[in-house]
Amino acid sequence: MLTSTFARSSRSIRPTLRVPTLYLRGSRNVSTLPENPHIFVHKDPFDPTRSLLSLLPTTPPTRQLAIGTASSLPATPQNFTSNPQFVPLLSSILAEHAAEDPMVQGQAAAFASPGGFTLSRPNDGAGGASHQGGAGGGNVGGWIHVSDMRNPPDYGRIAWPEDILGSLEVDGSGKIIEGSWQNSGSYRIVTREGILGLTDYLRGKVVMRLRELEEQINNNSK
């Protein structure tokens, strides 16, 4: 009798905790890329055989704000099609906010330090990979490159052209010159190294702008 009573009591106090399911506002069980948890995977509304990749979790997705689509995952240069509206939008956001990024500011400070490194001008036609940097500083200004985080270069080195988002001019004291942003013209959203990867700061600025545009689009469609 005591044994059976204890067994029933044990079952009655068995933990009932469950692992909560995460539901994002405006989304329905949206998955993300294993290699980049900040990029959401949706079904393309116009072609359900393709995956639509976006920095926004909203479903149905706002197609004109997406990064692009892929016929299979992971996205590769062979199966990925970029949204032609996304890169110009990304560039405009970076032009406004890249100089504020703590990581970029640290790069500028290192550039101007006595033991820093020198980087080439972005418009010399040779491309970033051809100029791997060297001992620098000496109160001489120049350019620093803002590159994709999917394949970050070693300290004092310059990223490959397809990984360079753009460049900023720095004076001899390590101060970024306002309004000096230049698009690289060679950046690729997807390479063999992976898909778009931004610093936390810049990704936050991009997502904020995308949400603003999404709200405008939704309001205009009402």
N, C-alpha and C. Protein backbone atom coordinates (compact mmCIF):
# COMPACT_ATOMS: atom_id res chain seq x y z
N MET A 1 0.84 -1.20 0.00
CA MET A 1 0.00 0.00 0.00
C MET A 1 0.87 1.24 0.00
N LEU A 2 1.89 1.29 0.93
CA LEU A 2 2.77 2.45 1.03
C LEU A 2 3.54 2.65 -0.26
N THR A 3 4.00 1.52 -0.85
CA THR A 3 4.79 1.62 -2.08
C THR A 3 3.96 2.21 -3.22
N SER A 4 2.74 1.72 -3.39
CA SER A 4 1.89 2.20 -4.48
C SER A 4 1.50 3.66 -4.26
N THR A 5 1.28 4.02 -2.98
CA THR A 5 0.93 5.41 -2.68
C THR A 5 2.08 6.34 -3.02
N PHE A 6 3.31 5.92 -2.69
CA PHE A 6 4.51 6.73 -2.98
C PHE A 6 4.70 6.89 -4.48
N ALA A 7 4.45 5.80 -5.24
CA ALA A 7 4.61 5.86 -6.69
C ALA A 7 3.64 6.87 -7.30
N ARG A 8 2.37 6.83 -6.79
CA ARG A 8 1.39 7.78 -7.32
C ARG A 8 1.79 9.21 -6.95
N SER A 9 2.32 9.40 -5.75
CA SER A 9 2.73 10.74 -5.32
C SER A 9 3.89 11.24 -6.16
N SER A 10 4.82 10.34 -6.49
CA SER A 10 5.98 10.73 -7.30
C SER A 10 5.54 11.18 -8.67
N ARG A 11 4.57 10.45 -9.26
CA ARG A 11 4.09 10.83 -10.58
C ARG A 11 3.40 12.19 -10.54
N SER A 12 2.74 12.46 -9.42
CA SER A 12 1.98 13.71 -9.33
C SER A 12 2.88 14.93 -9.22
N ILE A 13 4.13 14.75 -8.73
CA ILE A 13 5.04 15.89 -8.59
C ILE A 13 6.10 15.90 -9.66
N ARG A 14 5.94 15.06 -10.69
CA ARG A 14 6.90 15.03 -11.79
C ARG A 14 6.94 16.41 -12.46
N PRO A 15 8.13 16.95 -12.74
CA PRO A 15 8.22 18.30 -13.33
C PRO A 15 7.44 18.39 -14.64
N THR A 16 6.78 19.51 -14.81
CA THR A 16 5.96 19.72 -16.01
C THR A 16 6.51 20.85 -16.88
N LEU A 17 7.77 21.23 -16.61
CA LEU A 17 8.36 22.32 -17.38
C LEU A 17 8.57 21.91 -18.82
N ARG A 18 8.30 22.82 -19.73
CA ARG A 18 8.53 22.60 -21.15
C ARG A 18 9.49 23.66 -21.68
N VAL A 19 10.22 23.27 -22.69
CA VAL A 19 11.08 24.25 -23.35
C VAL A 19 10.18 25.17 -24.15
N PRO A 20 10.22 26.47 -23.89
CA PRO A 20 9.30 27.38 -24.59
C PRO A 20 9.63 27.49 -26.07
N THR A 21 8.60 27.66 -26.86
CA THR A 21 8.78 27.90 -28.29
C THR A 21 8.86 29.39 -28.53
N LEU A 22 9.86 29.82 -29.27
CA LEU A 22 10.04 31.24 -29.53
C LEU A 22 9.18 31.66 -30.71
N TYR A 23 8.29 32.60 -30.48
CA TYR A 23 7.46 33.15 -31.54
C TYR A 23 7.82 34.62 -31.70
N LEU A 24 8.30 34.98 -32.85
CA LEU A 24 8.65 36.35 -33.13
C LEU A 24 7.41 37.11 -33.58
N ARG A 25 7.31 38.35 -33.17
CA ARG A 25 6.16 39.16 -33.56
C ARG A 25 6.12 39.30 -35.08
N GLY A 26 4.98 39.03 -35.64
CA GLY A 26 4.84 39.14 -37.08
C GLY A 26 5.44 37.97 -37.83
N SER A 27 5.74 36.88 -37.14
CA SER A 27 6.36 35.74 -37.80
C SER A 27 5.71 34.45 -37.34
N ARG A 28 5.90 33.40 -38.13
CA ARG A 28 5.36 32.10 -37.77
C ARG A 28 6.48 31.08 -37.91
N ASN A 29 7.12 30.77 -36.77
CA ASN A 29 8.16 29.75 -36.75
C ASN A 29 9.20 29.98 -37.86
N VAL A 30 9.71 31.18 -37.96
CA VAL A 30 10.69 31.50 -39.00
C VAL A 30 12.04 30.93 -38.60
N SER A 31 12.65 30.21 -39.52
CA SER A 31 13.97 29.65 -39.25
C SER A 31 15.05 30.62 -39.70
N THR A 32 16.26 30.37 -39.26
CA THR A 32 17.40 31.20 -39.66
C THR A 32 18.49 30.32 -40.25
N LEU A 33 19.43 30.95 -40.91
CA LEU A 33 20.54 30.20 -41.50
C LEU A 33 21.44 29.66 -40.40
N PRO A 34 21.83 28.40 -40.45
CA PRO A 34 22.73 27.85 -39.43
C PRO A 34 24.05 28.62 -39.36
N GLU A 35 24.53 29.08 -40.51
CA GLU A 35 25.82 29.77 -40.55
C GLU A 35 25.70 31.25 -40.22
N ASN A 36 24.46 31.76 -40.15
CA ASN A 36 24.24 33.17 -39.81
C ASN A 36 22.85 33.31 -39.19
N PRO A 37 22.76 33.26 -37.86
CA PRO A 37 21.45 33.27 -37.19
C PRO A 37 20.71 34.59 -37.29
N HIS A 38 21.32 35.59 -37.91
CA HIS A 38 20.66 36.88 -38.05
C HIS A 38 19.91 37.00 -39.37
N ILE A 39 20.03 35.98 -40.23
CA ILE A 39 19.34 36.00 -41.52
C ILE A 39 18.21 34.99 -41.50
N PHE A 40 17.00 35.46 -41.77
CA PHE A 40 15.80 34.63 -41.70
C PHE A 40 15.50 34.01 -43.06
N VAL A 41 14.97 32.79 -43.00
CA VAL A 41 14.67 32.03 -44.22
C VAL A 41 13.16 31.94 -44.39
N HIS A 42 12.67 32.48 -45.50
CA HIS A 42 11.25 32.45 -45.83
C HIS A 42 11.06 31.71 -47.16
N LYS A 43 9.84 31.30 -47.42
CA LYS A 43 9.49 30.82 -48.75
C LYS A 43 9.25 32.03 -49.64
N ASP A 44 9.83 32.01 -50.81
CA ASP A 44 9.62 33.10 -51.75
C ASP A 44 8.15 33.13 -52.17
N PRO A 45 7.43 34.23 -51.92
CA PRO A 45 6.00 34.28 -52.27
C PRO A 45 5.73 34.07 -53.75
N PHE A 46 6.70 34.40 -54.60
CA PHE A 46 6.50 34.28 -56.04
C PHE A 46 7.05 32.98 -56.62
N ASP A 47 7.87 32.29 -55.84
CA ASP A 47 8.44 31.02 -56.30
C ASP A 47 8.72 30.14 -55.08
N PRO A 48 7.75 29.32 -54.68
CA PRO A 48 7.90 28.51 -53.46
C PRO A 48 9.03 27.49 -53.51
N THR A 49 9.64 27.31 -54.68
CA THR A 49 10.79 26.39 -54.76
C THR A 49 12.07 27.07 -54.30
N ARG A 50 12.01 28.38 -54.08
CA ARG A 50 13.20 29.12 -53.66
C ARG A 50 13.02 29.66 -52.25
N SER A 51 14.14 29.84 -51.57
CA SER A 51 14.14 30.44 -50.23
C SER A 51 14.45 31.92 -50.35
N LEU A 52 13.66 32.73 -49.66
CA LEU A 52 13.89 34.17 -49.63
C LEU A 52 14.62 34.49 -48.33
N LEU A 53 15.75 35.16 -48.42
CA LEU A 53 16.60 35.45 -47.26
C LEU A 53 16.47 36.92 -46.90
N SER A 54 16.25 37.18 -45.61
CA SER A 54 15.99 38.54 -45.17
C SER A 54 16.55 38.77 -43.76
N LEU A 55 16.84 40.02 -43.45
CA LEU A 55 17.23 40.39 -42.10
C LEU A 55 16.02 40.66 -41.22
N LEU A 56 14.83 40.54 -41.80
CA LEU A 56 13.58 40.74 -41.06
C LEU A 56 12.83 39.41 -40.92
N PRO A 57 12.21 39.16 -39.76
CA PRO A 57 11.49 37.91 -39.54
C PRO A 57 10.04 37.93 -40.00
N THR A 58 9.55 39.07 -40.42
CA THR A 58 8.12 39.24 -40.72
C THR A 58 7.64 38.28 -41.79
N THR A 59 6.48 37.66 -41.55
CA THR A 59 5.84 36.81 -42.55
C THR A 59 4.42 37.31 -42.80
N PRO A 60 3.99 37.37 -44.05
CA PRO A 60 4.81 37.09 -45.22
C PRO A 60 5.91 38.13 -45.37
N PRO A 61 7.04 37.76 -45.96
CA PRO A 61 8.17 38.68 -46.04
C PRO A 61 7.91 39.83 -47.01
N THR A 62 8.56 40.94 -46.76
CA THR A 62 8.52 42.08 -47.68
C THR A 62 9.62 41.87 -48.70
N ARG A 63 9.23 41.42 -49.87
CA ARG A 63 10.19 40.93 -50.86
C ARG A 63 11.19 41.99 -51.29
N GLN A 64 10.75 43.24 -51.44
CA GLN A 64 11.65 44.27 -51.93
C GLN A 64 12.73 44.66 -50.92
N LEU A 65 12.59 44.20 -49.67
CA LEU A 65 13.59 44.48 -48.64
C LEU A 65 14.47 43.27 -48.35
N ALA A 66 14.27 42.18 -49.08
CA ALA A 66 15.04 40.96 -48.84
C ALA A 66 16.47 41.10 -49.35
N ILE A 67 17.34 40.25 -48.82
CA ILE A 67 18.72 40.19 -49.30
C ILE A 67 18.76 39.57 -50.69
N GLY A 68 17.97 38.52 -50.88
CA GLY A 68 17.91 37.83 -52.16
C GLY A 68 17.26 36.48 -51.99
N THR A 69 17.34 35.63 -53.00
CA THR A 69 16.75 34.30 -52.95
C THR A 69 17.79 33.25 -53.33
N ALA A 70 17.54 32.02 -52.89
CA ALA A 70 18.44 30.91 -53.19
C ALA A 70 17.61 29.69 -53.56
N SER A 71 18.09 28.94 -54.55
CA SER A 71 17.37 27.74 -54.97
C SER A 71 17.60 26.58 -54.01
N SER A 72 18.65 26.67 -53.21
CA SER A 72 18.94 25.67 -52.18
C SER A 72 19.80 26.33 -51.11
N LEU A 73 19.92 25.65 -49.98
CA LEU A 73 20.73 26.16 -48.88
C LEU A 73 21.83 25.17 -48.53
N PRO A 74 23.00 25.66 -48.13
CA PRO A 74 23.35 27.07 -47.93
C PRO A 74 23.48 27.83 -49.24
N ALA A 75 23.32 29.14 -49.15
CA ALA A 75 23.44 29.99 -50.34
C ALA A 75 24.88 29.99 -50.84
N THR A 76 25.04 29.87 -52.13
CA THR A 76 26.35 29.90 -52.77
C THR A 76 26.29 30.87 -53.94
N PRO A 77 27.44 31.26 -54.49
CA PRO A 77 27.42 32.13 -55.67
C PRO A 77 26.65 31.52 -56.83
N GLN A 78 26.55 30.20 -56.87
CA GLN A 78 25.88 29.52 -57.98
C GLN A 78 24.37 29.49 -57.83
N ASN A 79 23.86 29.40 -56.58
CA ASN A 79 22.40 29.25 -56.41
C ASN A 79 21.71 30.49 -55.86
N PHE A 80 22.47 31.56 -55.63
CA PHE A 80 21.92 32.76 -55.01
C PHE A 80 21.67 33.85 -56.04
N THR A 81 20.52 34.52 -55.92
CA THR A 81 20.20 35.67 -56.75
C THR A 81 19.97 36.87 -55.84
N SER A 82 20.78 37.88 -55.99
CA SER A 82 20.69 39.06 -55.13
C SER A 82 19.49 39.92 -55.49
N ASN A 83 18.88 40.53 -54.48
CA ASN A 83 17.84 41.53 -54.70
C ASN A 83 18.54 42.81 -55.17
N PRO A 84 18.29 43.27 -56.38
CA PRO A 84 19.02 44.44 -56.91
C PRO A 84 18.78 45.71 -56.11
N GLN A 85 17.72 45.74 -55.29
CA GLN A 85 17.44 46.92 -54.48
C GLN A 85 18.19 46.91 -53.16
N PHE A 86 18.70 45.74 -52.75
CA PHE A 86 19.25 45.63 -51.40
C PHE A 86 20.63 46.27 -51.27
N VAL A 87 21.54 45.99 -52.18
CA VAL A 87 22.91 46.51 -52.04
C VAL A 87 22.95 48.04 -52.05
N PRO A 88 22.23 48.72 -52.95
CA PRO A 88 22.21 50.19 -52.87
C PRO A 88 21.66 50.70 -51.54
N LEU A 89 20.63 50.01 -51.02
CA LEU A 89 20.08 50.40 -49.72
C LEU A 89 21.11 50.19 -48.62
N LEU A 90 21.77 49.03 -48.64
CA LEU A 90 22.81 48.74 -47.67
C LEU A 90 23.91 49.80 -47.73
N SER A 91 24.33 50.15 -48.91
CA SER A 91 25.40 51.13 -49.08
C SER A 91 25.01 52.49 -48.52
N SER A 92 23.76 52.89 -48.72
CA SER A 92 23.32 54.19 -48.21
C SER A 92 23.32 54.21 -46.68
N ILE A 93 22.98 53.08 -46.06
CA ILE A 93 22.98 52.99 -44.60
C ILE A 93 24.40 53.01 -44.07
N LEU A 94 25.29 52.30 -44.74
CA LEU A 94 26.69 52.28 -44.32
C LEU A 94 27.33 53.65 -44.49
N ALA A 95 26.98 54.35 -45.55
CA ALA A 95 27.52 55.69 -45.77
C ALA A 95 27.16 56.62 -44.62
N GLU A 96 26.00 56.39 -44.03
CA GLU A 96 25.53 57.24 -42.93
C GLU A 96 26.09 56.81 -41.58
N HIS A 97 26.30 55.51 -41.38
CA HIS A 97 26.59 55.02 -40.03
C HIS A 97 27.93 54.29 -39.85
N ALA A 98 28.62 53.95 -40.91
CA ALA A 98 29.85 53.15 -40.76
C ALA A 98 30.88 53.85 -39.88
N ALA A 99 30.99 55.17 -40.00
CA ALA A 99 31.99 55.91 -39.23
C ALA A 99 31.70 55.88 -37.74
N GLU A 100 30.46 55.55 -37.35
CA GLU A 100 30.08 55.50 -35.93
C GLU A 100 30.36 54.13 -35.31
N ASP A 101 30.65 53.14 -36.13
CA ASP A 101 30.84 51.77 -35.65
C ASP A 101 32.10 51.71 -34.78
N PRO A 102 31.99 51.25 -33.52
CA PRO A 102 33.16 51.17 -32.66
C PRO A 102 34.30 50.35 -33.27
N MET A 103 33.98 49.30 -34.00
CA MET A 103 35.03 48.49 -34.61
C MET A 103 35.77 49.29 -35.69
N VAL A 104 35.03 50.06 -36.47
CA VAL A 104 35.64 50.88 -37.51
C VAL A 104 36.47 51.99 -36.88
N GLN A 105 35.98 52.59 -35.80
CA GLN A 105 36.72 53.63 -35.12
C GLN A 105 38.02 53.08 -34.53
N GLY A 106 37.97 51.85 -34.03
CA GLY A 106 39.19 51.22 -33.53
C GLY A 106 40.19 50.99 -34.64
N GLN A 107 39.69 50.63 -35.81
CA GLN A 107 40.55 50.43 -36.97
C GLN A 107 41.21 51.74 -37.37
N ALA A 108 40.45 52.83 -37.30
CA ALA A 108 40.99 54.15 -37.65
C ALA A 108 42.07 54.57 -36.66
N ALA A 109 41.84 54.30 -35.38
CA ALA A 109 42.82 54.65 -34.36
C ALA A 109 44.11 53.86 -34.54
N ALA A 110 43.98 52.58 -34.86
CA ALA A 110 45.16 51.74 -35.10
C ALA A 110 45.91 52.20 -36.34
N PHE A 111 45.18 52.69 -37.30
CA PHE A 111 45.78 53.19 -38.54
C PHE A 111 46.75 54.33 -38.26
N ALA A 112 46.37 55.22 -37.32
CA ALA A 112 47.15 56.42 -37.05
C ALA A 112 48.22 56.23 -35.98
N SER A 113 48.19 55.10 -35.27
CA SER A 113 49.15 54.89 -34.20
C SER A 113 50.55 54.67 -34.76
N PRO A 114 51.60 54.94 -33.96
CA PRO A 114 52.98 54.77 -34.45
C PRO A 114 53.26 53.37 -34.96
N GLY A 115 52.66 52.37 -34.37
CA GLY A 115 52.88 50.99 -34.82
C GLY A 115 51.75 50.48 -35.67
N GLY A 116 50.98 51.41 -36.24
CA GLY A 116 49.80 51.03 -37.00
C GLY A 116 50.13 50.50 -38.37
N PHE A 117 49.15 50.53 -39.25
CA PHE A 117 49.34 49.98 -40.59
C PHE A 117 48.83 50.98 -41.61
N THR A 118 49.32 50.90 -42.80
CA THR A 118 48.87 51.79 -43.86
C THR A 118 48.03 51.02 -44.85
N LEU A 119 47.01 51.67 -45.33
CA LEU A 119 46.12 51.06 -46.30
C LEU A 119 46.07 51.94 -47.54
N SER A 120 45.86 51.33 -48.67
CA SER A 120 45.87 52.07 -49.93
C SER A 120 44.57 52.79 -50.17
N ARG A 121 44.60 53.73 -51.09
CA ARG A 121 43.38 54.42 -51.48
C ARG A 121 42.50 53.45 -52.26
N PRO A 122 41.16 53.56 -52.11
CA PRO A 122 40.26 52.59 -52.73
C PRO A 122 40.08 52.78 -54.22
N ASN A 123 40.52 53.94 -54.76
CA ASN A 123 40.25 54.21 -56.17
C ASN A 123 41.49 54.10 -57.04
N ASP A 124 42.48 53.30 -56.59
CA ASP A 124 43.70 53.20 -57.38
C ASP A 124 43.62 52.11 -58.43
N GLY A 125 42.48 51.38 -58.45
CA GLY A 125 42.25 50.42 -59.52
C GLY A 125 42.85 49.06 -59.31
N ALA A 126 43.64 48.88 -58.25
CA ALA A 126 44.31 47.60 -58.06
C ALA A 126 43.50 46.64 -57.22
N GLY A 127 42.56 47.17 -56.43
CA GLY A 127 41.74 46.29 -55.59
C GLY A 127 42.40 46.02 -54.26
N GLY A 128 41.54 45.75 -53.26
CA GLY A 128 42.04 45.60 -51.90
C GLY A 128 43.02 44.47 -51.72
N ALA A 129 42.80 43.34 -52.39
CA ALA A 129 43.66 42.19 -52.15
C ALA A 129 45.08 42.42 -52.64
N SER A 130 45.28 43.39 -53.51
CA SER A 130 46.61 43.64 -54.04
C SER A 130 47.45 44.48 -53.10
N HIS A 131 46.82 45.05 -52.06
CA HIS A 131 47.54 45.91 -51.13
C HIS A 131 47.35 45.33 -49.73
N GLN A 132 48.30 44.61 -49.27
CA GLN A 132 48.14 43.90 -48.02
C GLN A 132 48.60 44.69 -46.80
N GLY A 133 48.96 45.97 -47.00
CA GLY A 133 49.30 46.81 -45.86
C GLY A 133 50.71 46.57 -45.36
N GLY A 134 51.19 47.52 -44.56
CA GLY A 134 52.53 47.40 -44.01
C GLY A 134 52.66 48.30 -42.82
N ALA A 135 53.86 48.43 -42.28
CA ALA A 135 54.08 49.29 -41.13
C ALA A 135 53.73 50.71 -41.50
N GLY A 136 53.00 51.40 -40.63
CA GLY A 136 52.53 52.73 -41.00
C GLY A 136 52.41 53.64 -39.81
N GLY A 137 51.44 54.53 -39.85
CA GLY A 137 51.28 55.55 -38.84
C GLY A 137 51.96 56.82 -39.31
N GLY A 138 52.74 57.45 -38.43
CA GLY A 138 53.52 58.61 -38.82
C GLY A 138 52.68 59.82 -39.17
N ASN A 139 51.46 59.93 -38.61
CA ASN A 139 50.59 61.09 -38.85
C ASN A 139 50.28 61.31 -40.33
N VAL A 140 50.23 60.25 -41.09
CA VAL A 140 49.89 60.33 -42.50
C VAL A 140 48.49 59.76 -42.69
N GLY A 141 47.63 60.52 -43.34
CA GLY A 141 46.27 60.06 -43.56
C GLY A 141 46.19 59.02 -44.65
N GLY A 142 45.01 58.48 -44.83
CA GLY A 142 44.80 57.47 -45.86
C GLY A 142 43.39 56.92 -45.76
N TRP A 143 43.21 55.69 -46.17
CA TRP A 143 41.89 55.07 -46.22
C TRP A 143 41.87 53.76 -45.44
N ILE A 144 40.77 53.51 -44.76
CA ILE A 144 40.53 52.22 -44.13
C ILE A 144 39.34 51.57 -44.83
N HIS A 145 39.34 50.26 -44.87
CA HIS A 145 38.27 49.52 -45.54
C HIS A 145 37.33 48.90 -44.51
N VAL A 146 36.05 49.00 -44.76
CA VAL A 146 35.03 48.34 -43.94
C VAL A 146 34.67 47.05 -44.66
N SER A 147 34.93 45.93 -44.02
CA SER A 147 34.78 44.65 -44.71
C SER A 147 33.75 43.76 -44.04
N ASP A 148 33.27 42.79 -44.80
CA ASP A 148 32.30 41.81 -44.33
C ASP A 148 32.94 40.93 -43.26
N MET A 149 32.16 40.57 -42.23
CA MET A 149 32.68 39.77 -41.12
C MET A 149 32.71 38.28 -41.41
N ARG A 150 32.20 37.86 -42.58
CA ARG A 150 32.21 36.42 -42.89
C ARG A 150 33.63 35.91 -43.10
N ASN A 151 34.54 36.81 -43.48
CA ASN A 151 35.92 36.42 -43.76
C ASN A 151 36.84 37.55 -43.34
N PRO A 152 36.90 37.85 -42.03
CA PRO A 152 37.67 39.01 -41.58
C PRO A 152 39.16 38.82 -41.85
N PRO A 153 39.82 39.88 -42.32
CA PRO A 153 41.26 39.78 -42.60
C PRO A 153 42.07 39.77 -41.31
N ASP A 154 43.27 39.26 -41.38
CA ASP A 154 44.18 39.33 -40.25
C ASP A 154 44.52 40.78 -39.96
N TYR A 155 44.96 41.04 -38.74
CA TYR A 155 45.30 42.40 -38.33
C TYR A 155 46.35 42.99 -39.27
N GLY A 156 46.08 44.21 -39.73
CA GLY A 156 47.02 44.88 -40.61
C GLY A 156 46.93 44.46 -42.06
N ARG A 157 46.03 43.54 -42.35
CA ARG A 157 45.84 43.08 -43.72
C ARG A 157 44.54 43.65 -44.28
N ILE A 158 44.37 43.55 -45.57
CA ILE A 158 43.18 44.06 -46.22
C ILE A 158 42.36 42.91 -46.78
N ALA A 159 41.05 43.01 -46.63
CA ALA A 159 40.16 41.95 -47.11
C ALA A 159 40.20 41.85 -48.63
N TRP A 160 39.71 40.72 -49.13
CA TRP A 160 39.59 40.54 -50.57
C TRP A 160 38.55 41.51 -51.12
N PRO A 161 38.67 41.92 -52.38
CA PRO A 161 37.74 42.91 -52.95
C PRO A 161 36.27 42.55 -52.77
N GLU A 162 35.92 41.26 -52.93
CA GLU A 162 34.51 40.88 -52.82
C GLU A 162 33.99 40.96 -51.38
N ASP A 163 34.90 41.14 -50.41
CA ASP A 163 34.51 41.26 -49.01
C ASP A 163 34.52 42.70 -48.52
N ILE A 164 34.99 43.63 -49.33
CA ILE A 164 35.08 45.03 -48.92
C ILE A 164 33.77 45.75 -49.24
N LEU A 165 33.11 46.23 -48.20
CA LEU A 165 31.85 46.94 -48.37
C LEU A 165 32.08 48.37 -48.86
N GLY A 166 33.11 48.99 -48.36
CA GLY A 166 33.42 50.36 -48.74
C GLY A 166 34.61 50.86 -47.95
N SER A 167 34.94 52.14 -48.13
CA SER A 167 36.13 52.71 -47.51
C SER A 167 35.83 54.07 -46.92
N LEU A 168 36.61 54.43 -45.90
CA LEU A 168 36.50 55.73 -45.25
C LEU A 168 37.88 56.37 -45.17
N GLU A 169 37.92 57.67 -45.36
CA GLU A 169 39.20 58.38 -45.28
C GLU A 169 39.48 58.75 -43.83
N VAL A 170 40.75 58.61 -43.45
CA VAL A 170 41.19 58.89 -42.08
C VAL A 170 42.31 59.92 -42.14
N ASP A 171 42.28 60.90 -41.23
CA ASP A 171 43.37 61.88 -41.21
C ASP A 171 44.54 61.34 -40.38
N GLY A 172 45.59 62.13 -40.27
CA GLY A 172 46.80 61.66 -39.61
C GLY A 172 46.65 61.40 -38.13
N SER A 173 45.58 61.93 -37.52
CA SER A 173 45.36 61.71 -36.09
C SER A 173 44.42 60.54 -35.82
N GLY A 174 43.98 59.87 -36.88
CA GLY A 174 43.08 58.73 -36.70
C GLY A 174 41.62 59.09 -36.70
N LYS A 175 41.29 60.31 -37.09
CA LYS A 175 39.90 60.75 -37.13
C LYS A 175 39.32 60.47 -38.51
N ILE A 176 38.13 59.86 -38.52
CA ILE A 176 37.46 59.57 -39.78
C ILE A 176 36.89 60.87 -40.35
N ILE A 177 37.18 61.14 -41.60
CA ILE A 177 36.72 62.36 -42.24
C ILE A 177 35.25 62.21 -42.62
N GLU A 178 34.45 63.14 -42.14
CA GLU A 178 33.00 63.08 -42.36
C GLU A 178 32.66 63.13 -43.85
N GLY A 179 31.73 62.28 -44.24
CA GLY A 179 31.26 62.28 -45.63
C GLY A 179 32.22 61.66 -46.61
N SER A 180 33.20 60.89 -46.12
CA SER A 180 34.23 60.35 -47.02
C SER A 180 33.92 58.93 -47.52
N TRP A 181 32.78 58.38 -47.13
CA TRP A 181 32.46 57.00 -47.52
C TRP A 181 32.48 56.81 -49.02
N GLN A 182 33.13 55.73 -49.47
CA GLN A 182 33.12 55.34 -50.87
C GLN A 182 32.74 53.87 -50.98
N ASN A 183 31.75 53.56 -51.81
CA ASN A 183 31.41 52.16 -52.05
C ASN A 183 32.57 51.47 -52.75
N SER A 184 32.75 50.20 -52.46
CA SER A 184 33.87 49.48 -53.07
C SER A 184 33.62 49.17 -54.54
N GLY A 185 32.37 48.90 -54.88
CA GLY A 185 32.05 48.52 -56.25
C GLY A 185 32.36 47.08 -56.57
N SER A 186 33.00 46.38 -55.64
CA SER A 186 33.39 44.99 -55.89
C SER A 186 32.75 44.03 -54.89
N TYR A 187 31.96 44.56 -53.95
CA TYR A 187 31.39 43.71 -52.90
C TYR A 187 30.38 42.72 -53.46
N ARG A 188 30.37 41.51 -52.88
CA ARG A 188 29.42 40.48 -53.25
C ARG A 188 28.69 40.00 -51.99
N ILE A 189 27.36 39.92 -52.08
CA ILE A 189 26.55 39.48 -50.94
C ILE A 189 26.91 38.06 -50.53
N VAL A 190 27.13 37.19 -51.49
CA VAL A 190 27.47 35.79 -51.23
C VAL A 190 28.76 35.45 -51.95
N THR A 191 29.69 34.83 -51.22
CA THR A 191 30.92 34.32 -51.80
C THR A 191 31.11 32.88 -51.33
N ARG A 192 32.20 32.28 -51.69
CA ARG A 192 32.49 30.92 -51.21
C ARG A 192 32.69 30.89 -49.70
N GLU A 193 32.95 32.05 -49.10
CA GLU A 193 33.17 32.12 -47.65
C GLU A 193 31.87 32.27 -46.87
N GLY A 194 30.76 32.54 -47.57
CA GLY A 194 29.49 32.68 -46.86
C GLY A 194 28.68 33.85 -47.35
N ILE A 195 27.68 34.21 -46.53
CA ILE A 195 26.73 35.28 -46.88
C ILE A 195 26.97 36.49 -45.99
N LEU A 196 26.40 37.60 -46.38
CA LEU A 196 26.51 38.88 -45.69
C LEU A 196 26.64 38.74 -44.17
N GLY A 197 27.69 39.34 -43.63
CA GLY A 197 27.90 39.36 -42.19
C GLY A 197 28.35 40.74 -41.74
N LEU A 198 27.55 41.40 -40.92
CA LEU A 198 27.86 42.75 -40.45
C LEU A 198 28.20 42.74 -38.97
N THR A 199 28.88 43.78 -38.51
CA THR A 199 29.10 43.93 -37.08
C THR A 199 27.75 44.14 -36.39
N ASP A 200 27.72 43.91 -35.09
CA ASP A 200 26.47 44.09 -34.35
C ASP A 200 25.93 45.51 -34.53
N TYR A 201 26.82 46.48 -34.50
CA TYR A 201 26.39 47.88 -34.60
C TYR A 201 25.76 48.16 -35.96
N LEU A 202 26.45 47.79 -37.02
CA LEU A 202 25.94 48.09 -38.36
C LEU A 202 24.70 47.27 -38.68
N ARG A 203 24.66 46.01 -38.23
CA ARG A 203 23.47 45.20 -38.47
C ARG A 203 22.26 45.84 -37.78
N GLY A 204 22.46 46.37 -36.59
CA GLY A 204 21.38 47.03 -35.89
C GLY A 204 20.85 48.23 -36.66
N LYS A 205 21.75 48.99 -37.26
CA LYS A 205 21.33 50.15 -38.05
C LYS A 205 20.58 49.72 -39.31
N VAL A 206 21.06 48.66 -39.93
CA VAL A 206 20.40 48.17 -41.15
C VAL A 206 19.00 47.65 -40.82
N VAL A 207 18.89 46.85 -39.77
CA VAL A 207 17.59 46.30 -39.39
C VAL A 207 16.62 47.42 -39.02
N MET A 208 17.11 48.42 -38.31
CA MET A 208 16.26 49.55 -37.94
C MET A 208 15.69 50.24 -39.18
N ARG A 209 16.55 50.46 -40.16
CA ARG A 209 16.10 51.12 -41.39
C ARG A 209 15.13 50.22 -42.17
N LEU A 210 15.40 48.93 -42.21
CA LEU A 210 14.51 48.01 -42.91
C LEU A 210 13.13 47.99 -42.26
N ARG A 211 13.09 48.03 -40.95
CA ARG A 211 11.80 48.04 -40.25
C ARG A 211 11.03 49.33 -40.57
N GLU A 212 11.74 50.45 -40.64
CA GLU A 212 11.09 51.71 -40.99
C GLU A 212 10.49 51.63 -42.40
N LEU A 213 11.27 51.10 -43.33
CA LEU A 213 10.79 50.98 -44.70
C LEU A 213 9.63 50.00 -44.80
N GLU A 214 9.71 48.91 -44.04
CA GLU A 214 8.63 47.93 -44.05
C GLU A 214 7.33 48.55 -43.55
N GLU A 215 7.43 49.36 -42.51
CA GLU A 215 6.24 50.02 -41.99
C GLU A 215 5.66 50.98 -43.02
N GLN A 216 6.53 51.71 -43.72
CA GLN A 216 6.06 52.62 -44.76
C GLN A 216 5.35 51.86 -45.88
N ILE A 217 5.94 50.74 -46.29
CA ILE A 217 5.35 49.93 -47.36
C ILE A 217 3.98 49.40 -46.93
N ASN A 218 3.89 48.92 -45.70
CA ASN A 218 2.62 48.39 -45.21
C ASN A 218 1.56 49.48 -45.11
N ASN A 219 1.97 50.67 -44.68
CA ASN A 219 1.01 51.77 -44.57
C ASN A 219 0.52 52.22 -45.94
N ASN A 220 1.42 52.21 -46.91
CA ASN A 220 1.04 52.63 -48.26
C ASN A 220 0.14 51.63 -48.96
N SER A 221 0.20 50.37 -48.50
CA SER A 221 -0.61 49.33 -49.14
C SER A 221 -2.01 49.24 -48.55
N LYS A 222 -2.27 50.00 -47.50
CA LYS A 222 -3.59 49.95 -46.87
C LYS A 222 -4.60 50.78 -47.65
